[in-house]
Amino acid sequence: MRLSLLRGVTALGAAFSLFFKSSNKLVMDGMLGFTGGVMVAASVWSLLIPAIDMSKENALKKYFLP
């Protein structure tokens, strides 16, 4: 279900860029800001939070010299 939703949203974004050749600069700025926010959120949730959790569990202790 979730994968279908992601595919649909991606297709909708692609259709928006294909069918509307000339768009307002304000709309383009808003879309660029939204995608930047999505990428920051993805990096925090997928990379930083798991790394912090691993460091709290001392799972990385064996990889660093004292």
PDB file of N, CA and C in Angstrom:
ATOM      1  N   MET A   1       0.827  -1.195   0.000  1.00  0.00           N
ATOM      2  CA  MET A   1       0.000   0.000   0.000  1.00  0.00           C
ATOM      3  C   MET A   1       0.873   1.262   0.000  1.00  0.00           C
ATOM      4  N   ARG A   2       1.867   1.270   0.882  1.00  0.00           N
ATOM      5  CA  ARG A   2       2.712   2.451   1.005  1.00  0.00           C
ATOM      6  C   ARG A   2       3.544   2.662  -0.262  1.00  0.00           C
ATOM      7  N   LEU A   3       3.996   1.547  -0.860  1.00  0.00           N
ATOM      8  CA  LEU A   3       4.785   1.649  -2.080  1.00  0.00           C
ATOM      9  C   LEU A   3       3.953   2.212  -3.227  1.00  0.00           C
ATOM     10  N   SER A   4       2.696   1.831  -3.303  1.00  0.00           N
ATOM     11  CA  SER A   4       1.817   2.365  -4.344  1.00  0.00           C
ATOM     12  C   SER A   4       1.592   3.863  -4.159  1.00  0.00           C
ATOM     13  N   LEU A   5       1.478   4.287  -2.924  1.00  0.00           N
ATOM     14  CA  LEU A   5       1.303   5.707  -2.642  1.00  0.00           C
ATOM     15  C   LEU A   5       2.549   6.495  -3.063  1.00  0.00           C
ATOM     16  N   LEU A   6       3.725   5.958  -2.757  1.00  0.00           N
ATOM     17  CA  LEU A   6       4.961   6.635  -3.139  1.00  0.00           C
ATOM     18  C   LEU A   6       5.117   6.698  -4.655  1.00  0.00           C
ATOM     19  N   ARG A   7       4.767   5.640  -5.323  1.00  0.00           N
ATOM     20  CA  ARG A   7       4.827   5.647  -6.797  1.00  0.00           C
ATOM     21  C   ARG A   7       3.858   6.668  -7.382  1.00  0.00           C
ATOM     22  N   GLY A   8       2.680   6.742  -6.802  1.00  0.00           N
ATOM     23  CA  GLY A   8       1.686   7.691  -7.298  1.00  0.00           C
ATOM     24  C   GLY A   8       2.115   9.137  -7.105  1.00  0.00           C
ATOM     25  N   VAL A   9       2.684   9.437  -5.959  1.00  0.00           N
ATOM     26  CA  VAL A   9       3.138  10.802  -5.688  1.00  0.00           C
ATOM     27  C   VAL A   9       4.299  11.163  -6.608  1.00  0.00           C
ATOM     28  N   THR A  10       5.201  10.207  -6.846  1.00  0.00           N
ATOM     29  CA  THR A  10       6.313  10.449  -7.759  1.00  0.00           C
ATOM     30  C   THR A  10       5.813  10.695  -9.184  1.00  0.00           C
ATOM     31  N   ALA A  11       4.852   9.901  -9.604  1.00  0.00           N
ATOM     32  CA  ALA A  11       4.279  10.086 -10.936  1.00  0.00           C
ATOM     33  C   ALA A  11       3.555  11.425 -11.047  1.00  0.00           C
ATOM     34  N   LEU A  12       2.896  11.838  -9.994  1.00  0.00           N
ATOM     35  CA  LEU A  12       2.206  13.128  -9.995  1.00  0.00           C
ATOM     36  C   LEU A  12       3.199  14.276 -10.126  1.00  0.00           C
ATOM     37  N   GLY A  13       4.302  14.193  -9.411  1.00  0.00           N
ATOM     38  CA  GLY A  13       5.332  15.225  -9.525  1.00  0.00           C
ATOM     39  C   GLY A  13       5.963  15.264 -10.899  1.00  0.00           C
ATOM     40  N   ALA A  14       6.187  14.104 -11.482  1.00  0.00           N
ATOM     41  CA  ALA A  14       6.745  14.052 -12.832  1.00  0.00           C
ATOM     42  C   ALA A  14       5.752  14.611 -13.851  1.00  0.00           C
ATOM     43  N   ALA A  15       4.483  14.295 -13.680  1.00  0.00           N
ATOM     44  CA  ALA A  15       3.469  14.812 -14.600  1.00  0.00           C
ATOM     45  C   ALA A  15       3.367  16.326 -14.497  1.00  0.00           C
ATOM     46  N   PHE A  16       3.518  16.849 -13.296  1.00  0.00           N
ATOM     47  CA  PHE A  16       3.461  18.298 -13.110  1.00  0.00           C
ATOM     48  C   PHE A  16       4.578  18.980 -13.891  1.00  0.00           C
ATOM     49  N   SER A  17       5.760  18.404 -13.843  1.00  0.00           N
ATOM     50  CA  SER A  17       6.881  19.031 -14.540  1.00  0.00           C
ATOM     51  C   SER A  17       6.792  18.824 -16.055  1.00  0.00           C
ATOM     52  N   LEU A  18       6.154  17.768 -16.500  1.00  0.00           N
ATOM     53  CA  LEU A  18       6.055  17.517 -17.937  1.00  0.00           C
ATOM     54  C   LEU A  18       4.949  18.335 -18.600  1.00  0.00           C
ATOM     55  N   PHE A  19       3.827  18.466 -17.934  1.00  0.00           N
ATOM     56  CA  PHE A  19       2.682  19.108 -18.566  1.00  0.00           C
ATOM     57  C   PHE A  19       2.667  20.627 -18.428  1.00  0.00           C
ATOM     58  N   PHE A  20       3.327  21.144 -17.448  1.00  0.00           N
ATOM     59  CA  PHE A  20       3.353  22.586 -17.236  1.00  0.00           C
ATOM     60  C   PHE A  20       4.754  23.105 -17.543  1.00  0.00           C
ATOM     61  N   LYS A  21       4.987  23.438 -18.790  1.00  0.00           N
ATOM     62  CA  LYS A  21       6.319  23.886 -19.203  1.00  0.00           C
ATOM     63  C   LYS A  21       6.664  25.255 -18.620  1.00  0.00           C
ATOM     64  N   SER A  22       5.741  26.171 -18.665  1.00  0.00           N
ATOM     65  CA  SER A  22       6.009  27.492 -18.093  1.00  0.00           C
ATOM     66  C   SER A  22       5.249  27.606 -16.773  1.00  0.00           C
ATOM     67  N   SER A  23       5.986  27.853 -15.726  1.00  0.00           N
ATOM     68  CA  SER A  23       5.344  27.950 -14.426  1.00  0.00           C
ATOM     69  C   SER A  23       5.819  29.210 -13.715  1.00  0.00           C
ATOM     70  N   ASN A  24       5.113  29.552 -12.706  1.00  0.00           N
ATOM     71  CA  ASN A  24       5.407  30.723 -11.917  1.00  0.00           C
ATOM     72  C   ASN A  24       6.684  30.491 -11.101  1.00  0.00           C
ATOM     73  N   LYS A  25       7.519  31.527 -10.981  1.00  0.00           N
ATOM     74  CA  LYS A  25       8.752  31.402 -10.209  1.00  0.00           C
ATOM     75  C   LYS A  25       8.453  31.119  -8.744  1.00  0.00           C
ATOM     76  N   LEU A  26       7.378  31.662  -8.225  1.00  0.00           N
ATOM     77  CA  LEU A  26       7.004  31.421  -6.837  1.00  0.00           C
ATOM     78  C   LEU A  26       6.651  29.947  -6.608  1.00  0.00           C
ATOM     79  N   VAL A  27       5.973  29.345  -7.569  1.00  0.00           N
ATOM     80  CA  VAL A  27       5.627  27.925  -7.463  1.00  0.00           C
ATOM     81  C   VAL A  27       6.893  27.077  -7.510  1.00  0.00           C
ATOM     82  N   MET A  28       7.793  27.394  -8.425  1.00  0.00           N
ATOM     83  CA  MET A  28       9.045  26.647  -8.537  1.00  0.00           C
ATOM     84  C   MET A  28       9.884  26.790  -7.261  1.00  0.00           C
ATOM     85  N   ASP A  29       9.924  27.988  -6.678  1.00  0.00           N
ATOM     86  CA  ASP A  29      10.659  28.193  -5.434  1.00  0.00           C
ATOM     87  C   ASP A  29      10.040  27.370  -4.298  1.00  0.00           C
ATOM     88  N   GLY A  30       8.738  27.322  -4.266  1.00  0.00           N
ATOM     89  CA  GLY A  30       8.064  26.522  -3.243  1.00  0.00           C
ATOM     90  C   GLY A  30       8.345  25.043  -3.389  1.00  0.00           C
ATOM     91  N   MET A  31       8.333  24.554  -4.628  1.00  0.00           N
ATOM     92  CA  MET A  31       8.628  23.133  -4.855  1.00  0.00           C
ATOM     93  C   MET A  31      10.078  22.816  -4.506  1.00  0.00           C
ATOM     94  N   LEU A  32      10.997  23.708  -4.821  1.00  0.00           N
ATOM     95  CA  LEU A  32      12.398  23.493  -4.485  1.00  0.00           C
ATOM     96  C   LEU A  32      12.604  23.486  -2.974  1.00  0.00           C
ATOM     97  N   GLY A  33      11.935  24.376  -2.272  1.00  0.00           N
ATOM     98  CA  GLY A  33      12.019  24.381  -0.815  1.00  0.00           C
ATOM     99  C   GLY A  33      11.434  23.129  -0.194  1.00  0.00           C
ATOM    100  N   PHE A  34      10.328  22.643  -0.758  1.00  0.00           N
ATOM    101  CA  PHE A  34       9.711  21.421  -0.254  1.00  0.00           C
ATOM    102  C   PHE A  34      10.624  20.222  -0.455  1.00  0.00           C
ATOM    103  N   THR A  35      11.213  20.101  -1.636  1.00  0.00           N
ATOM    104  CA  THR A  35      12.092  18.959  -1.888  1.00  0.00           C
ATOM    105  C   THR A  35      13.349  19.030  -1.027  1.00  0.00           C
ATOM    106  N   GLY A  36      13.845  20.232  -0.778  1.00  0.00           N
ATOM    107  CA  GLY A  36      14.986  20.366   0.123  1.00  0.00           C
ATOM    108  C   GLY A  36      14.638  19.916   1.531  1.00  0.00           C
ATOM    109  N   GLY A  37      13.460  20.266   1.989  1.00  0.00           N
ATOM    110  CA  GLY A  37      13.014  19.831   3.312  1.00  0.00           C
ATOM    111  C   GLY A  37      12.827  18.325   3.392  1.00  0.00           C
ATOM    112  N   VAL A  38      12.340  17.734   2.321  1.00  0.00           N
ATOM    113  CA  VAL A  38      12.175  16.278   2.290  1.00  0.00           C
ATOM    114  C   VAL A  38      13.537  15.588   2.378  1.00  0.00           C
ATOM    115  N   MET A  39      14.520  16.116   1.682  1.00  0.00           N
ATOM    116  CA  MET A  39      15.850  15.510   1.713  1.00  0.00           C
ATOM    117  C   MET A  39      16.508  15.669   3.081  1.00  0.00           C
ATOM    118  N   VAL A  40      16.320  16.792   3.725  1.00  0.00           N
ATOM    119  CA  VAL A  40      16.865  16.976   5.074  1.00  0.00           C
ATOM    120  C   VAL A  40      16.184  16.011   6.041  1.00  0.00           C
ATOM    121  N   ALA A  41      14.874  15.876   5.945  1.00  0.00           N
ATOM    122  CA  ALA A  41      14.159  14.954   6.823  1.00  0.00           C
ATOM    123  C   ALA A  41      14.588  13.513   6.576  1.00  0.00           C
ATOM    124  N   ALA A  42      14.788  13.148   5.328  1.00  0.00           N
ATOM    125  CA  ALA A  42      15.225  11.784   5.019  1.00  0.00           C
ATOM    126  C   ALA A  42      16.606  11.509   5.581  1.00  0.00           C
ATOM    127  N   SER A  43      17.489  12.483   5.507  1.00  0.00           N
ATOM    128  CA  SER A  43      18.827  12.254   6.042  1.00  0.00           C
ATOM    129  C   SER A  43      18.808  12.158   7.561  1.00  0.00           C
ATOM    130  N   VAL A  44      17.961  12.931   8.212  1.00  0.00           N
ATOM    131  CA  VAL A  44      17.880  12.859   9.674  1.00  0.00           C
ATOM    132  C   VAL A  44      17.295  11.527  10.110  1.00  0.00           C
ATOM    133  N   TRP A  45      16.164  11.141   9.528  1.00  0.00           N
ATOM    134  CA  TRP A  45      15.496   9.920   9.972  1.00  0.00           C
ATOM    135  C   TRP A  45      16.224   8.655   9.539  1.00  0.00           C
ATOM    136  N   SER A  46      16.897   8.673   8.401  1.00  0.00           N
ATOM    137  CA  SER A  46      17.524   7.458   7.899  1.00  0.00           C
ATOM    138  C   SER A  46      18.988   7.325   8.291  1.00  0.00           C
ATOM    139  N   LEU A  47      19.657   8.420   8.581  1.00  0.00           N
ATOM    140  CA  LEU A  47      21.083   8.349   8.863  1.00  0.00           C
ATOM    141  C   LEU A  47      21.446   8.785  10.271  1.00  0.00           C
ATOM    142  N   LEU A  48      21.028   9.952  10.662  1.00  0.00           N
ATOM    143  CA  LEU A  48      21.492  10.506  11.927  1.00  0.00           C
ATOM    144  C   LEU A  48      20.875   9.826  13.155  1.00  0.00           C
ATOM    145  N   ILE A  49      19.586   9.622  13.159  1.00  0.00           N
ATOM    146  CA  ILE A  49      18.944   9.014  14.323  1.00  0.00           C
ATOM    147  C   ILE A  49      19.420   7.579  14.545  1.00  0.00           C
ATOM    148  N   PRO A  50      19.522   6.724  13.501  1.00  0.00           N
ATOM    149  CA  PRO A  50      20.091   5.395  13.747  1.00  0.00           C
ATOM    150  C   PRO A  50      21.543   5.439  14.217  1.00  0.00           C
ATOM    151  N   ALA A  51      22.327   6.384  13.729  1.00  0.00           N
ATOM    152  CA  ALA A  51      23.716   6.497  14.175  1.00  0.00           C
ATOM    153  C   ALA A  51      23.788   6.906  15.642  1.00  0.00           C
ATOM    154  N   ILE A  52      22.926   7.794  16.063  1.00  0.00           N
ATOM    155  CA  ILE A  52      22.894   8.197  17.472  1.00  0.00           C
ATOM    156  C   ILE A  52      22.471   7.024  18.350  1.00  0.00           C
ATOM    157  N   ASP A  53      21.479   6.263  17.890  1.00  0.00           N
ATOM    158  CA  ASP A  53      21.044   5.093  18.655  1.00  0.00           C
ATOM    159  C   ASP A  53      22.156   4.051  18.762  1.00  0.00           C
ATOM    160  N   MET A  54      22.890   3.838  17.692  1.00  0.00           N
ATOM    161  CA  MET A  54      24.000   2.876  17.726  1.00  0.00           C
ATOM    162  C   MET A  54      25.100   3.332  18.671  1.00  0.00           C
ATOM    163  N   SER A  55      25.365   4.618  18.704  1.00  0.00           N
ATOM    164  CA  SER A  55      26.425   5.100  19.584  1.00  0.00           C
ATOM    165  C   SER A  55      26.014   5.021  21.051  1.00  0.00           C
ATOM    166  N   LYS A  56      24.739   5.142  21.338  1.00  0.00           N
ATOM    167  CA  LYS A  56      24.271   5.015  22.716  1.00  0.00           C
ATOM    168  C   LYS A  56      24.376   3.578  23.220  1.00  0.00           C
ATOM    169  N   GLU A  57      24.262   2.624  22.308  1.00  0.00           N
ATOM    170  CA  GLU A  57      24.336   1.213  22.676  1.00  0.00           C
ATOM    171  C   GLU A  57      25.775   0.707  22.723  1.00  0.00           C
ATOM    172  N   ASN A  58      26.733   1.591  22.497  1.00  0.00           N
ATOM    173  CA  ASN A  58      28.151   1.226  22.451  1.00  0.00           C
ATOM    174  C   ASN A  58      28.453   0.215  21.354  1.00  0.00           C
ATOM    175  N   ALA A  59      27.628   0.188  20.314  1.00  0.00           N
ATOM    176  CA  ALA A  59      27.857  -0.728  19.216  1.00  0.00           C
ATOM    177  C   ALA A  59      29.054  -0.304  18.375  1.00  0.00           C
ATOM    178  N   LEU A  60      29.402   0.965  18.402  1.00  0.00           N
ATOM    179  CA  LEU A  60      30.517   1.454  17.616  1.00  0.00           C
ATOM    180  C   LEU A  60      31.824   1.463  18.398  1.00  0.00           C
ATOM    181  N   LYS A  61      31.783   1.037  19.643  1.00  0.00           N
ATOM    182  CA  LYS A  61      32.964   1.115  20.496  1.00  0.00           C
ATOM    183  C   LYS A  61      34.122   0.275  19.959  1.00  0.00           C
ATOM    184  N   LYS A  62      33.841  -0.851  19.360  1.00  0.00           N
ATOM    185  CA  LYS A  62      34.892  -1.725  18.870  1.00  0.00           C
ATOM    186  C   LYS A  62      35.583  -1.171  17.623  1.00  0.00           C
ATOM    187  N   TYR A  63      35.005  -0.185  16.977  1.00  0.00           N
ATOM    188  CA  TYR A  63      35.595   0.363  15.770  1.00  0.00           C
ATOM    189  C   TYR A  63      36.549   1.537  16.037  1.00  0.00           C
ATOM    190  N   PHE A  64      36.555   2.051  17.231  1.00  0.00           N
ATOM    191  CA  PHE A  64      37.385   3.199  17.564  1.00  0.00           C
ATOM    192  C   PHE A  64      38.432   2.802  18.583  1.00  0.00           C
ATOM    193  N   LEU A  65      39.617   3.311  18.397  1.00  0.00           N
ATOM    194  CA  LEU A  65      40.681   3.066  19.357  1.00  0.00           C
ATOM    195  C   LEU A  65      40.479   3.939  20.578  1.00  0.00           C
ATOM    196  N   PRO A  66      40.797   3.421  21.761  1.00  0.00           N
ATOM    197  CA  PRO A  66      40.605   4.250  22.969  1.00  0.00           C
ATOM    198  C   PRO A  66      41.607   5.363  23.094  1.00  0.00           C
TER     199      PRO A  66
END
